[in-house]
């Protein structure tokens, strides 16, 4: 495996399949005593990524009821 001039490498398909490294999955590089490891960042749902961005003091049930017009 070679590193391109842009610093890219291709992860072999069997490794991508085995560890669920699909397009868009976030990974990180860890340096452990001269050994570089690629790790898959914590799995999260799209909801986890936006959780807590609203700064409302209202309960979510009340917001939903209001949106439904009840």
N, C-alpha and C. Protein backbone atom coordinates (compact mmCIF):
# COMPACT_ATOMS: atom_id res chain seq x y z
N UNK A 1 0.85 -1.16 0.00
CA UNK A 1 0.00 0.00 0.00
C UNK A 1 0.90 1.23 0.00
N UNK A 2 0.55 2.21 -0.79
CA UNK A 2 1.33 3.44 -0.89
C UNK A 2 0.48 4.64 -0.47
N UNK A 3 1.15 5.65 0.02
CA UNK A 3 0.48 6.91 0.33
C UNK A 3 0.61 7.80 -0.90
N UNK A 4 -0.52 8.42 -1.31
CA UNK A 4 -0.51 9.30 -2.48
C UNK A 4 0.12 10.64 -2.12
N UNK A 5 0.34 11.47 -3.13
CA UNK A 5 0.91 12.79 -2.90
C UNK A 5 -0.02 13.67 -2.05
N UNK A 6 -1.31 13.30 -2.00
CA UNK A 6 -2.28 14.04 -1.18
C UNK A 6 -2.41 13.43 0.22
N UNK A 7 -1.58 12.43 0.54
CA UNK A 7 -1.62 11.81 1.86
C UNK A 7 -2.72 10.79 2.02
N UNK A 8 -3.23 10.26 0.92
CA UNK A 8 -4.34 9.31 0.97
C UNK A 8 -3.85 7.88 0.81
N UNK A 9 -4.60 6.95 1.44
CA UNK A 9 -4.37 5.53 1.24
C UNK A 9 -5.72 4.88 0.98
N UNK A 10 -5.71 3.75 0.32
CA UNK A 10 -6.93 3.00 0.09
C UNK A 10 -7.01 1.87 1.11
N UNK A 11 -8.10 1.85 1.86
CA UNK A 11 -8.31 0.77 2.83
C UNK A 11 -8.85 -0.42 2.05
N UNK A 12 -8.21 -1.59 2.16
CA UNK A 12 -8.67 -2.75 1.40
C UNK A 12 -10.14 -3.07 1.67
N UNK A 13 -10.84 -3.52 0.63
CA UNK A 13 -12.27 -3.79 0.72
C UNK A 13 -12.62 -4.77 1.83
N UNK A 14 -11.82 -5.82 2.00
CA UNK A 14 -12.15 -6.80 3.04
C UNK A 14 -12.08 -6.18 4.44
N UNK A 15 -11.19 -5.22 4.64
CA UNK A 15 -11.10 -4.52 5.93
C UNK A 15 -12.29 -3.57 6.09
N UNK A 16 -12.62 -2.83 5.02
CA UNK A 16 -13.78 -1.92 5.08
C UNK A 16 -15.05 -2.69 5.39
N UNK A 17 -15.24 -3.83 4.73
CA UNK A 17 -16.44 -4.65 4.96
C UNK A 17 -16.46 -5.21 6.37
N UNK A 18 -15.34 -5.72 6.83
CA UNK A 18 -15.28 -6.36 8.14
C UNK A 18 -15.60 -5.37 9.28
N UNK A 19 -15.14 -4.13 9.14
CA UNK A 19 -15.30 -3.16 10.21
C UNK A 19 -16.34 -2.07 9.93
N UNK A 20 -17.09 -2.22 8.84
CA UNK A 20 -18.16 -1.27 8.54
C UNK A 20 -17.65 0.12 8.23
N UNK A 21 -16.54 0.20 7.53
CA UNK A 21 -15.95 1.49 7.17
C UNK A 21 -16.50 1.96 5.83
N UNK A 22 -17.77 2.34 5.86
CA UNK A 22 -18.44 2.80 4.65
C UNK A 22 -18.15 4.28 4.42
N UNK A 23 -18.48 4.76 3.25
CA UNK A 23 -18.29 6.17 2.92
C UNK A 23 -18.99 7.04 3.97
N UNK A 24 -18.30 8.05 4.44
CA UNK A 24 -18.87 8.97 5.42
C UNK A 24 -18.61 8.61 6.87
N UNK A 25 -18.11 7.39 7.12
CA UNK A 25 -17.80 6.99 8.49
C UNK A 25 -16.59 7.79 8.97
N UNK A 26 -16.68 8.30 10.20
CA UNK A 26 -15.57 9.08 10.74
C UNK A 26 -14.54 8.16 11.38
N UNK A 27 -13.28 8.43 11.09
CA UNK A 27 -12.18 7.65 11.66
C UNK A 27 -11.18 8.62 12.27
N UNK A 28 -10.29 8.08 13.07
CA UNK A 28 -9.25 8.89 13.68
C UNK A 28 -7.95 8.10 13.62
N UNK A 29 -6.83 8.78 13.73
CA UNK A 29 -5.53 8.15 13.75
C UNK A 29 -4.92 8.32 15.13
N UNK A 30 -4.42 7.24 15.68
CA UNK A 30 -3.81 7.24 17.01
C UNK A 30 -2.35 6.81 16.86
N UNK A 31 -1.46 7.54 17.53
CA UNK A 31 -0.04 7.19 17.53
C UNK A 31 0.26 6.52 18.88
N UNK A 32 0.57 5.24 18.83
CA UNK A 32 0.91 4.50 20.05
C UNK A 32 2.32 3.96 19.94
N UNK A 33 3.25 4.69 20.53
CA UNK A 33 4.65 4.28 20.56
C UNK A 33 5.20 3.96 19.17
N UNK A 34 4.94 4.86 18.23
CA UNK A 34 5.46 4.70 16.89
C UNK A 34 4.61 3.85 15.95
N UNK A 35 3.51 3.31 16.46
CA UNK A 35 2.58 2.53 15.62
C UNK A 35 1.35 3.39 15.40
N UNK A 36 1.00 3.62 14.14
CA UNK A 36 -0.16 4.43 13.82
C UNK A 36 -1.35 3.49 13.63
N UNK A 37 -2.42 3.76 14.39
CA UNK A 37 -3.64 2.95 14.30
C UNK A 37 -4.78 3.81 13.79
N UNK A 38 -5.58 3.23 12.91
CA UNK A 38 -6.79 3.88 12.43
C UNK A 38 -7.93 3.30 13.26
N UNK A 39 -8.72 4.18 13.88
CA UNK A 39 -9.85 3.70 14.64
C UNK A 39 -11.13 4.34 14.13
N UNK A 40 -12.19 3.57 14.19
CA UNK A 40 -13.51 4.06 13.82
C UNK A 40 -14.04 4.84 15.01
N UNK A 41 -14.46 6.08 14.78
CA UNK A 41 -14.99 6.89 15.86
C UNK A 41 -16.30 6.27 16.33
N UNK A 42 -16.70 6.63 17.54
CA UNK A 42 -17.91 6.08 18.13
C UNK A 42 -19.09 6.11 17.19
N UNK A 43 -19.84 5.05 17.18
CA UNK A 43 -21.01 5.00 16.32
C UNK A 43 -22.09 5.90 16.90
N UNK A 44 -22.70 6.67 16.06
CA UNK A 44 -23.78 7.54 16.51
C UNK A 44 -24.81 7.65 15.40
N UNK A 45 -26.02 7.86 15.81
CA UNK A 45 -27.10 8.04 14.85
C UNK A 45 -27.14 9.50 14.44
N UNK A 46 -27.85 9.82 13.36
CA UNK A 46 -27.98 11.22 12.98
C UNK A 46 -28.61 12.07 14.09
N UNK A 47 -29.45 11.46 14.89
CA UNK A 47 -30.08 12.19 16.01
C UNK A 47 -29.02 12.55 17.05
N UNK A 48 -28.09 11.63 17.31
CA UNK A 48 -27.03 11.92 18.28
C UNK A 48 -26.21 13.13 17.88
N UNK A 49 -26.04 13.34 16.57
CA UNK A 49 -25.22 14.45 16.10
C UNK A 49 -25.87 15.81 16.35
N UNK A 50 -27.21 15.86 16.45
CA UNK A 50 -27.90 17.13 16.66
C UNK A 50 -28.49 17.24 18.07
N UNK A 51 -28.36 16.20 18.86
CA UNK A 51 -28.91 16.21 20.22
C UNK A 51 -28.33 17.36 21.03
N UNK A 52 -29.23 18.13 21.63
CA UNK A 52 -28.80 19.20 22.51
C UNK A 52 -28.50 20.52 21.85
N UNK A 53 -28.71 20.65 20.52
CA UNK A 53 -28.38 21.92 19.88
C UNK A 53 -29.42 22.99 20.14
N UNK A 54 -30.64 22.57 20.47
CA UNK A 54 -31.68 23.54 20.80
C UNK A 54 -31.55 23.91 22.27
N UNK A 55 -31.62 25.17 22.56
CA UNK A 55 -31.43 25.64 23.93
C UNK A 55 -32.75 25.97 24.62
N UNK A 56 -33.81 25.28 24.24
CA UNK A 56 -35.13 25.52 24.81
C UNK A 56 -35.24 24.89 26.19
N UNK A 57 -35.97 25.54 27.08
CA UNK A 57 -36.22 25.00 28.41
C UNK A 57 -37.50 24.16 28.43
N UNK A 58 -38.23 24.18 27.30
CA UNK A 58 -39.49 23.42 27.23
C UNK A 58 -39.22 21.92 27.12
N UNK A 59 -40.14 21.14 27.65
CA UNK A 59 -40.04 19.69 27.50
C UNK A 59 -40.32 19.33 26.04
N UNK A 60 -39.66 18.33 25.53
CA UNK A 60 -39.84 17.94 24.12
C UNK A 60 -41.27 17.52 23.85
N UNK A 61 -41.94 16.88 24.82
CA UNK A 61 -43.34 16.48 24.63
C UNK A 61 -44.23 17.71 24.40
N UNK A 62 -43.96 18.80 25.15
CA UNK A 62 -44.74 20.02 24.98
C UNK A 62 -44.50 20.65 23.61
N UNK A 63 -43.24 20.63 23.16
CA UNK A 63 -42.92 21.18 21.84
C UNK A 63 -43.64 20.40 20.75
N UNK A 64 -43.63 19.07 20.84
CA UNK A 64 -44.30 18.23 19.85
C UNK A 64 -45.80 18.52 19.84
N UNK A 65 -46.39 18.60 21.01
CA UNK A 65 -47.82 18.89 21.10
C UNK A 65 -48.14 20.24 20.46
N UNK A 66 -47.29 21.23 20.71
CA UNK A 66 -47.49 22.56 20.11
C UNK A 66 -47.39 22.50 18.60
N UNK A 67 -46.40 21.76 18.10
CA UNK A 67 -46.24 21.63 16.65
C UNK A 67 -47.43 20.93 16.00
N UNK A 68 -48.03 20.01 16.73
CA UNK A 68 -49.20 19.28 16.22
C UNK A 68 -50.47 20.11 16.33
N UNK A 69 -50.38 21.25 17.00
CA UNK A 69 -51.53 22.13 17.11
C UNK A 69 -52.52 21.70 18.17
N UNK A 70 -52.07 21.01 19.16
CA UNK A 70 -52.97 20.53 20.22
C UNK A 70 -52.89 21.40 21.43
